[in-house]
């Protein structure tokens, strides 16, 4: 039950990240208005971890979200493993 809920949270965050990434392709979005500010506030702290490590290629192409997805997947696997170890 708990592991299913945790997996749903991860799935929801994956979707929010995908929406955030697709919205960056639209150049005239006002990121200070709602709901865009909300999306930015819950995704950018996680993405900024990887943006600080991996600079954009050619100054334009940001591949840090790809690494962020891999890290999130590894985190989900680790959390699932811990939940299974504790029988949750």
N, C-alpha and C. Protein backbone atom coordinates (compact mmCIF):
# COMPACT_ATOMS: atom_id res chain seq x y z
N UNK A 1 0.82 -1.19 0.00
CA UNK A 1 0.00 0.00 0.00
C UNK A 1 0.87 1.26 0.00
N UNK A 2 1.84 1.31 0.91
CA UNK A 2 2.72 2.47 0.99
C UNK A 2 3.60 2.56 -0.26
N UNK A 3 4.11 1.42 -0.72
CA UNK A 3 4.97 1.44 -1.90
C UNK A 3 4.19 1.89 -3.13
N UNK A 4 2.93 1.53 -3.23
CA UNK A 4 2.12 1.97 -4.36
C UNK A 4 1.93 3.50 -4.31
N UNK A 5 1.70 4.03 -3.13
CA UNK A 5 1.54 5.47 -2.97
C UNK A 5 2.84 6.20 -3.34
N UNK A 6 3.97 5.69 -2.86
CA UNK A 6 5.27 6.29 -3.17
C UNK A 6 5.53 6.25 -4.67
N UNK A 7 5.22 5.13 -5.31
CA UNK A 7 5.41 5.04 -6.76
C UNK A 7 4.52 6.01 -7.51
N UNK A 8 3.31 6.25 -7.01
CA UNK A 8 2.43 7.23 -7.63
C UNK A 8 3.00 8.64 -7.49
N UNK A 9 3.61 8.94 -6.35
CA UNK A 9 4.25 10.24 -6.17
C UNK A 9 5.40 10.43 -7.15
N UNK A 10 6.21 9.39 -7.31
CA UNK A 10 7.30 9.46 -8.29
C UNK A 10 6.74 9.67 -9.70
N UNK A 11 5.70 8.93 -10.05
CA UNK A 11 5.08 9.06 -11.37
C UNK A 11 4.56 10.49 -11.58
N UNK A 12 3.92 11.05 -10.58
CA UNK A 12 3.41 12.41 -10.66
C UNK A 12 4.55 13.40 -10.85
N UNK A 13 5.66 13.20 -10.16
CA UNK A 13 6.79 14.11 -10.30
C UNK A 13 7.43 13.97 -11.67
N UNK A 14 7.50 12.74 -12.19
CA UNK A 14 7.98 12.54 -13.56
C UNK A 14 7.13 13.36 -14.54
N UNK A 15 5.82 13.30 -14.41
CA UNK A 15 4.93 14.04 -15.30
C UNK A 15 5.15 15.55 -15.19
N UNK A 16 5.29 16.03 -13.97
CA UNK A 16 5.51 17.45 -13.77
C UNK A 16 6.85 17.89 -14.40
N UNK A 17 7.87 17.05 -14.27
CA UNK A 17 9.15 17.37 -14.89
C UNK A 17 9.04 17.42 -16.42
N UNK A 18 8.32 16.46 -16.98
CA UNK A 18 8.14 16.44 -18.43
C UNK A 18 7.39 17.68 -18.90
N UNK A 19 6.34 18.04 -18.20
CA UNK A 19 5.59 19.25 -18.56
C UNK A 19 6.50 20.48 -18.47
N UNK A 20 7.28 20.56 -17.42
CA UNK A 20 8.20 21.69 -17.23
C UNK A 20 9.20 21.78 -18.38
N UNK A 21 9.74 20.65 -18.78
CA UNK A 21 10.73 20.63 -19.87
C UNK A 21 10.09 21.03 -21.19
N UNK A 22 8.91 20.52 -21.47
CA UNK A 22 8.24 20.91 -22.72
C UNK A 22 7.88 22.39 -22.73
N UNK A 23 7.51 22.93 -21.60
CA UNK A 23 7.15 24.34 -21.55
C UNK A 23 8.35 25.27 -21.77
N UNK A 24 9.56 24.78 -21.53
CA UNK A 24 10.73 25.62 -21.79
C UNK A 24 10.93 25.84 -23.28
N UNK A 25 10.30 25.04 -24.11
CA UNK A 25 10.42 25.22 -25.56
C UNK A 25 9.52 26.35 -26.06
N UNK A 26 8.63 26.83 -25.24
CA UNK A 26 7.76 27.94 -25.62
C UNK A 26 8.41 29.22 -25.12
N UNK A 27 8.87 30.07 -26.03
CA UNK A 27 9.72 31.20 -25.61
C UNK A 27 9.01 32.32 -24.87
N UNK A 28 7.73 32.52 -25.06
CA UNK A 28 7.09 33.70 -24.46
C UNK A 28 6.23 33.38 -23.24
N UNK A 29 6.60 32.36 -22.48
CA UNK A 29 5.87 32.04 -21.25
C UNK A 29 6.36 32.95 -20.13
N UNK A 30 5.42 33.50 -19.40
CA UNK A 30 5.74 34.32 -18.23
C UNK A 30 5.85 33.38 -17.03
N UNK A 31 7.08 33.05 -16.64
CA UNK A 31 7.32 32.08 -15.57
C UNK A 31 6.96 32.63 -14.19
N UNK A 32 6.68 33.91 -14.12
CA UNK A 32 6.30 34.50 -12.83
C UNK A 32 4.80 34.45 -12.59
N UNK A 33 4.01 34.00 -13.58
CA UNK A 33 2.56 33.89 -13.40
C UNK A 33 2.20 32.44 -13.08
N UNK A 34 1.03 32.27 -12.51
CA UNK A 34 0.55 30.93 -12.17
C UNK A 34 -0.08 30.30 -13.40
N UNK A 35 -0.02 29.03 -13.62
CA UNK A 35 0.55 27.94 -12.83
C UNK A 35 2.03 27.70 -13.10
N UNK A 36 2.63 28.52 -13.98
CA UNK A 36 4.02 28.29 -14.37
C UNK A 36 4.98 28.51 -13.20
N UNK A 37 4.70 29.47 -12.36
CA UNK A 37 5.53 29.71 -11.19
C UNK A 37 5.51 28.51 -10.25
N UNK A 38 4.34 27.90 -10.09
CA UNK A 38 4.23 26.70 -9.25
C UNK A 38 5.07 25.56 -9.83
N UNK A 39 4.96 25.33 -11.14
CA UNK A 39 5.75 24.27 -11.78
C UNK A 39 7.24 24.52 -11.58
N UNK A 40 7.64 25.75 -11.78
CA UNK A 40 9.05 26.09 -11.63
C UNK A 40 9.52 25.90 -10.19
N UNK A 41 8.66 26.25 -9.24
CA UNK A 41 9.07 26.17 -7.83
C UNK A 41 9.22 24.74 -7.34
N UNK A 42 8.53 23.79 -7.94
CA UNK A 42 8.66 22.40 -7.47
C UNK A 42 9.61 21.57 -8.32
N UNK A 43 9.99 22.06 -9.50
CA UNK A 43 10.91 21.29 -10.33
C UNK A 43 12.32 21.86 -10.35
N UNK A 44 12.46 23.18 -10.30
CA UNK A 44 13.79 23.78 -10.43
C UNK A 44 14.76 23.42 -9.30
N UNK A 45 14.34 23.29 -8.05
CA UNK A 45 15.34 22.88 -7.04
C UNK A 45 15.99 21.53 -7.37
N UNK A 46 15.21 20.60 -7.88
CA UNK A 46 15.78 19.30 -8.26
C UNK A 46 16.63 19.43 -9.51
N UNK A 47 16.15 20.15 -10.52
CA UNK A 47 16.90 20.29 -11.76
C UNK A 47 18.17 21.11 -11.57
N UNK A 48 18.15 22.07 -10.66
CA UNK A 48 19.33 22.92 -10.44
C UNK A 48 20.51 22.14 -9.89
N UNK A 49 20.25 21.04 -9.22
CA UNK A 49 21.34 20.18 -8.75
C UNK A 49 22.18 19.74 -9.94
N UNK A 50 21.53 19.36 -11.01
CA UNK A 50 22.21 18.82 -12.18
C UNK A 50 22.66 19.92 -13.14
N UNK A 51 21.98 21.05 -13.13
CA UNK A 51 22.41 22.19 -13.95
C UNK A 51 23.74 22.74 -13.45
N UNK A 52 23.98 22.64 -12.16
CA UNK A 52 25.24 23.11 -11.62
C UNK A 52 26.41 22.21 -11.97
N UNK A 53 26.13 20.95 -12.25
CA UNK A 53 27.19 19.99 -12.56
C UNK A 53 27.44 19.92 -14.06
N UNK A 54 26.37 19.98 -14.85
CA UNK A 54 26.47 19.81 -16.30
C UNK A 54 26.08 21.13 -16.97
N UNK A 55 27.05 21.84 -17.54
CA UNK A 55 26.70 23.09 -18.21
C UNK A 55 25.97 22.82 -19.53
N UNK A 56 25.19 23.76 -20.00
CA UNK A 56 24.52 23.59 -21.29
C UNK A 56 25.53 23.44 -22.43
N UNK A 57 25.20 22.58 -23.37
CA UNK A 57 26.07 22.35 -24.52
C UNK A 57 25.88 23.49 -25.50
N UNK A 58 26.95 24.13 -25.87
CA UNK A 58 26.89 25.25 -26.80
C UNK A 58 26.15 26.45 -26.23
N UNK A 59 25.94 26.46 -24.92
CA UNK A 59 25.24 27.57 -24.29
C UNK A 59 23.73 27.51 -24.42
N UNK A 60 23.21 26.56 -25.18
CA UNK A 60 21.77 26.51 -25.44
C UNK A 60 21.11 25.19 -25.04
N UNK A 61 21.77 24.08 -25.32
CA UNK A 61 21.16 22.76 -25.11
C UNK A 61 21.45 22.26 -23.70
N UNK A 62 20.41 22.19 -22.89
CA UNK A 62 20.54 21.75 -21.50
C UNK A 62 20.19 20.27 -21.42
N UNK A 63 21.20 19.43 -21.16
CA UNK A 63 20.95 17.99 -21.05
C UNK A 63 20.81 17.55 -19.60
N UNK A 64 20.87 18.49 -18.67
CA UNK A 64 20.76 18.12 -17.26
C UNK A 64 19.44 17.43 -16.92
N UNK A 65 18.29 17.73 -17.58
CA UNK A 65 17.07 16.98 -17.25
C UNK A 65 17.19 15.48 -17.54
N UNK A 66 17.99 15.11 -18.53
CA UNK A 66 18.18 13.68 -18.81
C UNK A 66 18.85 13.01 -17.63
N UNK A 67 19.90 13.64 -17.11
CA UNK A 67 20.60 13.10 -15.94
C UNK A 67 19.68 13.12 -14.73
N UNK A 68 18.85 14.14 -14.63
CA UNK A 68 17.91 14.24 -13.51
C UNK A 68 16.91 13.08 -13.55
N UNK A 69 16.44 12.71 -14.75
CA UNK A 69 15.52 11.58 -14.86
C UNK A 69 16.18 10.28 -14.43
N UNK A 70 17.45 10.09 -14.84
CA UNK A 70 18.17 8.89 -14.41
C UNK A 70 18.33 8.87 -12.89
N UNK A 71 18.69 10.00 -12.31
CA UNK A 71 18.86 10.07 -10.86
C UNK A 71 17.54 9.81 -10.14
N UNK A 72 16.45 10.36 -10.67
CA UNK A 72 15.14 10.13 -10.06
C UNK A 72 14.74 8.66 -10.14
N UNK A 73 15.08 8.04 -11.27
CA UNK A 73 14.78 6.61 -11.42
C UNK A 73 15.57 5.78 -10.41
N UNK A 74 16.87 6.10 -10.25
CA UNK A 74 17.68 5.38 -9.26
C UNK A 74 17.15 5.61 -7.85
N UNK A 75 16.72 6.82 -7.57
CA UNK A 75 16.14 7.12 -6.26
C UNK A 75 14.87 6.30 -6.04
N UNK A 76 14.03 6.21 -7.06
CA UNK A 76 12.81 5.43 -6.95
C UNK A 76 13.13 3.95 -6.71
N UNK A 77 14.11 3.42 -7.42
CA UNK A 77 14.50 2.02 -7.22
C UNK A 77 15.01 1.82 -5.79
N UNK A 78 15.81 2.76 -5.30
CA UNK A 78 16.33 2.64 -3.94
C UNK A 78 15.24 2.70 -2.89
N UNK A 79 14.30 3.60 -3.07
CA UNK A 79 13.18 3.72 -2.12
C UNK A 79 12.34 2.44 -2.16
N UNK A 80 12.08 1.93 -3.35
CA UNK A 80 11.31 0.68 -3.46
C UNK A 80 12.04 -0.48 -2.80
N UNK A 81 13.35 -0.52 -2.96
CA UNK A 81 14.13 -1.58 -2.34
C UNK A 81 14.05 -1.49 -0.82
N UNK A 82 14.17 -0.27 -0.28
CA UNK A 82 14.06 -0.09 1.16
C UNK A 82 12.68 -0.46 1.68
N UNK A 83 11.66 -0.06 0.96
CA UNK A 83 10.29 -0.40 1.38
C UNK A 83 10.08 -1.91 1.35
N UNK A 84 10.61 -2.57 0.34
CA UNK A 84 10.49 -4.03 0.26
C UNK A 84 11.27 -4.70 1.39
N UNK A 85 12.44 -4.14 1.74
CA UNK A 85 13.25 -4.72 2.81
C UNK A 85 12.52 -4.62 4.16
N UNK A 86 11.74 -3.56 4.35
CA UNK A 86 10.99 -3.40 5.58
C UNK A 86 9.59 -4.00 5.50
N UNK A 87 9.28 -4.61 4.37
CA UNK A 87 7.98 -5.26 4.23
C UNK A 87 6.82 -4.31 4.05
N UNK A 88 7.09 -3.13 3.52
CA UNK A 88 6.03 -2.16 3.32
C UNK A 88 5.69 -2.18 1.87
